[in-house]
Amino acid sequence: MTQQQRTPSRPLPACPAGHHPRYMLDGRRIESRGGHFIECRCSRTPKCATFDLAWAHWHKQHGIHPQLDARPAGNSNVVQLGLRLAGVVS
């Protein structure tokens, strides 16, 4: 089996028709029409050398602006609490 469904390293937005996309890897070499691609029921990207290129094609193809995430990479167990300064009246 040359094609495998993989878990993407970042979330994939649905296409404008609302279909949930999936990230696929064709294990053949690029020269043999292999590579990374993203597809849903109504569309698919061309096969690319990396997931990042396929991700960029998906966004451009559907006119979706990528969300730049300001949070640090990875899950964090740190919770930031709002603090009040003593003696300050608000």
N, C-alpha and C. Protein backbone atom coordinates (compact mmCIF):
# COMPACT_ATOMS: atom_id res chain seq x y z
N MET A 1 0.85 -1.17 0.00
CA MET A 1 0.00 0.00 0.00
C MET A 1 0.90 1.23 0.00
N THR A 2 0.73 2.07 -0.98
CA THR A 2 1.60 3.25 -1.08
C THR A 2 1.01 4.48 -0.43
N GLN A 3 -0.31 4.57 -0.31
CA GLN A 3 -0.92 5.76 0.30
C GLN A 3 -1.34 5.47 1.73
N GLN A 4 -0.99 6.42 2.62
CA GLN A 4 -1.33 6.29 4.03
C GLN A 4 -1.94 7.60 4.52
N GLN A 5 -2.98 7.49 5.34
CA GLN A 5 -3.53 8.68 5.96
C GLN A 5 -2.70 8.98 7.19
N ARG A 6 -2.28 10.24 7.32
CA ARG A 6 -1.43 10.67 8.42
C ARG A 6 -2.13 11.72 9.26
N THR A 7 -1.64 11.92 10.46
CA THR A 7 -2.14 12.99 11.33
C THR A 7 -1.33 14.25 11.03
N PRO A 8 -2.00 15.33 10.64
CA PRO A 8 -1.26 16.56 10.31
C PRO A 8 -0.64 17.20 11.54
N SER A 9 0.45 17.93 11.32
CA SER A 9 1.13 18.58 12.44
C SER A 9 0.40 19.84 12.90
N ARG A 10 -0.52 20.33 12.10
CA ARG A 10 -1.36 21.47 12.49
C ARG A 10 -2.76 21.25 11.93
N PRO A 11 -3.75 21.88 12.51
CA PRO A 11 -5.14 21.61 12.09
C PRO A 11 -5.41 22.03 10.66
N LEU A 12 -6.24 21.26 9.99
CA LEU A 12 -6.64 21.56 8.62
C LEU A 12 -8.07 22.12 8.62
N PRO A 13 -8.28 23.31 8.06
CA PRO A 13 -9.64 23.85 8.02
C PRO A 13 -10.46 23.14 6.94
N ALA A 14 -11.75 23.10 7.16
CA ALA A 14 -12.66 22.49 6.19
C ALA A 14 -12.68 23.32 4.90
N CYS A 15 -13.05 22.68 3.81
CA CYS A 15 -13.18 23.40 2.54
C CYS A 15 -14.43 24.28 2.60
N PRO A 16 -14.61 25.20 1.64
CA PRO A 16 -15.80 26.06 1.66
C PRO A 16 -17.13 25.30 1.66
N ALA A 17 -17.13 24.06 1.13
CA ALA A 17 -18.36 23.26 1.14
C ALA A 17 -18.59 22.58 2.49
N GLY A 18 -17.64 22.72 3.42
CA GLY A 18 -17.79 22.17 4.76
C GLY A 18 -17.25 20.76 4.93
N HIS A 19 -16.58 20.22 3.92
CA HIS A 19 -16.03 18.86 4.04
C HIS A 19 -14.77 18.85 4.88
N HIS A 20 -14.63 17.84 5.72
CA HIS A 20 -13.45 17.69 6.56
C HIS A 20 -12.32 17.11 5.72
N PRO A 21 -11.16 17.76 5.65
CA PRO A 21 -10.05 17.24 4.83
C PRO A 21 -9.25 16.19 5.57
N ARG A 22 -8.48 15.42 4.81
CA ARG A 22 -7.55 14.47 5.39
C ARG A 22 -6.20 14.62 4.72
N TYR A 23 -5.16 14.40 5.48
CA TYR A 23 -3.78 14.51 5.02
C TYR A 23 -3.29 13.13 4.62
N MET A 24 -2.80 13.00 3.39
CA MET A 24 -2.37 11.72 2.86
C MET A 24 -0.91 11.80 2.43
N LEU A 25 -0.23 10.68 2.53
CA LEU A 25 1.15 10.57 2.06
C LEU A 25 1.22 9.39 1.10
N ASP A 26 1.63 9.67 -0.13
CA ASP A 26 1.88 8.63 -1.12
C ASP A 26 3.37 8.31 -1.01
N GLY A 27 3.69 7.09 -0.61
CA GLY A 27 5.06 6.71 -0.30
C GLY A 27 6.01 6.61 -1.48
N ARG A 28 5.49 6.76 -2.68
CA ARG A 28 6.39 6.70 -3.84
C ARG A 28 7.23 7.98 -3.92
N ARG A 29 8.30 7.93 -4.68
CA ARG A 29 9.13 9.11 -4.88
C ARG A 29 8.34 10.17 -5.66
N ILE A 30 8.76 11.42 -5.53
CA ILE A 30 8.11 12.52 -6.25
C ILE A 30 8.14 12.26 -7.76
N GLU A 31 9.27 11.75 -8.25
CA GLU A 31 9.41 11.46 -9.68
C GLU A 31 8.42 10.40 -10.15
N SER A 32 7.95 9.57 -9.24
CA SER A 32 6.98 8.52 -9.56
C SER A 32 5.57 8.90 -9.15
N ARG A 33 5.31 10.20 -9.06
CA ARG A 33 4.01 10.78 -8.70
C ARG A 33 3.60 10.48 -7.27
N GLY A 34 4.57 10.49 -6.37
CA GLY A 34 4.28 10.33 -4.95
C GLY A 34 4.34 11.69 -4.27
N GLY A 35 4.12 11.70 -2.98
CA GLY A 35 4.24 12.94 -2.21
C GLY A 35 3.10 13.15 -1.23
N HIS A 36 3.10 14.32 -0.63
CA HIS A 36 2.10 14.71 0.37
C HIS A 36 0.96 15.44 -0.33
N PHE A 37 -0.28 15.16 0.10
CA PHE A 37 -1.43 15.90 -0.44
C PHE A 37 -2.55 15.91 0.58
N ILE A 38 -3.47 16.84 0.39
CA ILE A 38 -4.63 16.99 1.26
C ILE A 38 -5.86 16.89 0.37
N GLU A 39 -6.86 16.14 0.83
CA GLU A 39 -8.06 15.96 0.01
C GLU A 39 -9.30 15.94 0.88
N CYS A 40 -10.43 16.25 0.22
CA CYS A 40 -11.74 16.11 0.84
C CYS A 40 -12.66 15.53 -0.23
N ARG A 41 -13.95 15.54 0.00
CA ARG A 41 -14.90 14.94 -0.95
C ARG A 41 -14.93 15.67 -2.28
N CYS A 42 -14.63 16.99 -2.28
CA CYS A 42 -14.79 17.76 -3.51
C CYS A 42 -13.49 18.29 -4.10
N SER A 43 -12.36 18.16 -3.41
CA SER A 43 -11.12 18.72 -3.97
C SER A 43 -9.90 18.04 -3.37
N ARG A 44 -8.77 18.29 -4.01
CA ARG A 44 -7.49 17.80 -3.49
C ARG A 44 -6.37 18.66 -4.01
N THR A 45 -5.28 18.70 -3.27
CA THR A 45 -4.12 19.47 -3.69
C THR A 45 -3.26 18.60 -4.60
N PRO A 46 -2.36 19.23 -5.35
CA PRO A 46 -1.38 18.42 -6.08
C PRO A 46 -0.44 17.76 -5.09
N LYS A 47 0.23 16.70 -5.50
CA LYS A 47 1.19 16.04 -4.61
C LYS A 47 2.43 16.92 -4.49
N CYS A 48 2.87 17.11 -3.26
CA CYS A 48 3.97 18.03 -2.94
C CYS A 48 5.09 17.28 -2.23
N ALA A 49 6.26 17.90 -2.21
CA ALA A 49 7.43 17.28 -1.58
C ALA A 49 7.32 17.26 -0.06
N THR A 50 6.61 18.22 0.54
CA THR A 50 6.49 18.28 2.00
C THR A 50 5.04 18.57 2.39
N PHE A 51 4.72 18.29 3.67
CA PHE A 51 3.39 18.61 4.17
C PHE A 51 3.16 20.12 4.15
N ASP A 52 4.19 20.90 4.47
CA ASP A 52 4.04 22.36 4.50
C ASP A 52 3.61 22.92 3.15
N LEU A 53 4.14 22.38 2.06
CA LEU A 53 3.72 22.83 0.73
C LEU A 53 2.28 22.42 0.44
N ALA A 54 1.90 21.21 0.82
CA ALA A 54 0.52 20.76 0.61
C ALA A 54 -0.44 21.63 1.44
N TRP A 55 -0.04 21.97 2.67
CA TRP A 55 -0.85 22.82 3.55
C TRP A 55 -1.04 24.20 2.91
N ALA A 56 0.05 24.76 2.35
CA ALA A 56 -0.04 26.07 1.70
C ALA A 56 -0.94 26.00 0.46
N HIS A 57 -0.85 24.93 -0.32
CA HIS A 57 -1.72 24.76 -1.49
C HIS A 57 -3.18 24.69 -1.06
N TRP A 58 -3.48 23.97 0.01
CA TRP A 58 -4.86 23.83 0.50
C TRP A 58 -5.45 25.19 0.83
N HIS A 59 -4.69 26.00 1.55
CA HIS A 59 -5.16 27.32 1.93
C HIS A 59 -5.34 28.23 0.71
N LYS A 60 -4.39 28.20 -0.19
CA LYS A 60 -4.47 29.06 -1.38
C LYS A 60 -5.62 28.61 -2.29
N GLN A 61 -5.76 27.31 -2.46
CA GLN A 61 -6.79 26.75 -3.33
C GLN A 61 -8.19 27.15 -2.89
N HIS A 62 -8.40 27.24 -1.58
CA HIS A 62 -9.74 27.54 -1.05
C HIS A 62 -9.88 28.97 -0.55
N GLY A 63 -8.84 29.79 -0.73
CA GLY A 63 -8.92 31.18 -0.31
C GLY A 63 -9.02 31.35 1.20
N ILE A 64 -8.41 30.44 1.93
CA ILE A 64 -8.44 30.47 3.39
C ILE A 64 -7.16 31.14 3.87
N HIS A 65 -7.30 32.09 4.78
CA HIS A 65 -6.12 32.72 5.36
C HIS A 65 -5.69 31.91 6.57
N PRO A 66 -4.43 31.48 6.60
CA PRO A 66 -3.98 30.67 7.75
C PRO A 66 -4.04 31.47 9.04
N GLN A 67 -4.44 30.81 10.10
CA GLN A 67 -4.49 31.42 11.43
C GLN A 67 -3.10 31.32 12.04
N LEU A 68 -2.52 32.45 12.36
CA LEU A 68 -1.23 32.44 13.04
C LEU A 68 -1.50 32.31 14.52
N ASP A 69 -1.02 31.25 15.09
CA ASP A 69 -1.29 30.95 16.49
C ASP A 69 -0.24 31.60 17.37
N ALA A 70 -0.66 32.43 18.30
CA ALA A 70 0.27 33.13 19.18
C ALA A 70 0.69 32.29 20.38
N ARG A 71 0.02 31.16 20.59
CA ARG A 71 0.37 30.31 21.72
C ARG A 71 1.68 29.58 21.46
N PRO A 72 2.41 29.23 22.50
CA PRO A 72 3.64 28.47 22.30
C PRO A 72 3.34 27.08 21.77
N ALA A 73 4.31 26.51 21.08
CA ALA A 73 4.14 25.18 20.51
C ALA A 73 3.99 24.15 21.62
N GLY A 74 3.19 23.15 21.38
CA GLY A 74 3.00 22.08 22.36
C GLY A 74 1.96 22.44 23.40
N ASN A 75 1.54 21.45 24.12
CA ASN A 75 0.56 21.67 25.18
C ASN A 75 1.29 22.14 26.43
N SER A 76 0.75 23.12 27.06
CA SER A 76 1.36 23.68 28.25
C SER A 76 0.42 23.48 29.42
N ASN A 77 0.99 23.18 30.58
CA ASN A 77 0.17 23.03 31.78
C ASN A 77 0.23 24.29 32.64
N VAL A 78 0.68 25.40 32.06
CA VAL A 78 0.78 26.66 32.78
C VAL A 78 -0.51 27.44 32.60
N VAL A 79 -1.07 27.92 33.72
CA VAL A 79 -2.27 28.73 33.68
C VAL A 79 -1.90 30.11 34.18
N GLN A 80 -2.21 31.13 33.38
CA GLN A 80 -1.90 32.49 33.80
C GLN A 80 -3.14 33.09 34.44
N LEU A 81 -2.98 33.58 35.65
CA LEU A 81 -4.08 34.16 36.40
C LEU A 81 -3.95 35.68 36.44
N GLY A 82 -5.08 36.35 36.43
CA GLY A 82 -5.06 37.80 36.58
C GLY A 82 -4.78 38.15 38.03
N LEU A 83 -3.84 39.03 38.27
CA LEU A 83 -3.48 39.40 39.63
C LEU A 83 -3.89 40.82 39.92
N ARG A 84 -4.28 41.08 41.16
CA ARG A 84 -4.60 42.43 41.60
C ARG A 84 -3.48 42.90 42.54
N LEU A 85 -3.10 44.11 42.35
CA LEU A 85 -2.08 44.68 43.22
C LEU A 85 -2.74 45.20 44.49
N ALA A 86 -2.13 44.95 45.62
CA ALA A 86 -2.67 45.41 46.90
C ALA A 86 -2.61 46.92 46.97
N GLY A 87 -3.68 47.54 47.44
CA GLY A 87 -3.71 48.98 47.62
C GLY A 87 -4.15 49.74 46.37
N VAL A 88 -4.36 49.08 45.26
CA VAL A 88 -4.78 49.76 44.04
C VAL A 88 -6.30 49.63 43.94
N VAL A 89 -6.95 50.76 43.81
CA VAL A 89 -8.40 50.76 43.71
C VAL A 89 -8.77 50.84 42.23
N SER A 90 -9.64 49.97 41.81
CA SER A 90 -10.04 50.02 40.40
C SER A 90 -11.48 50.40 40.23
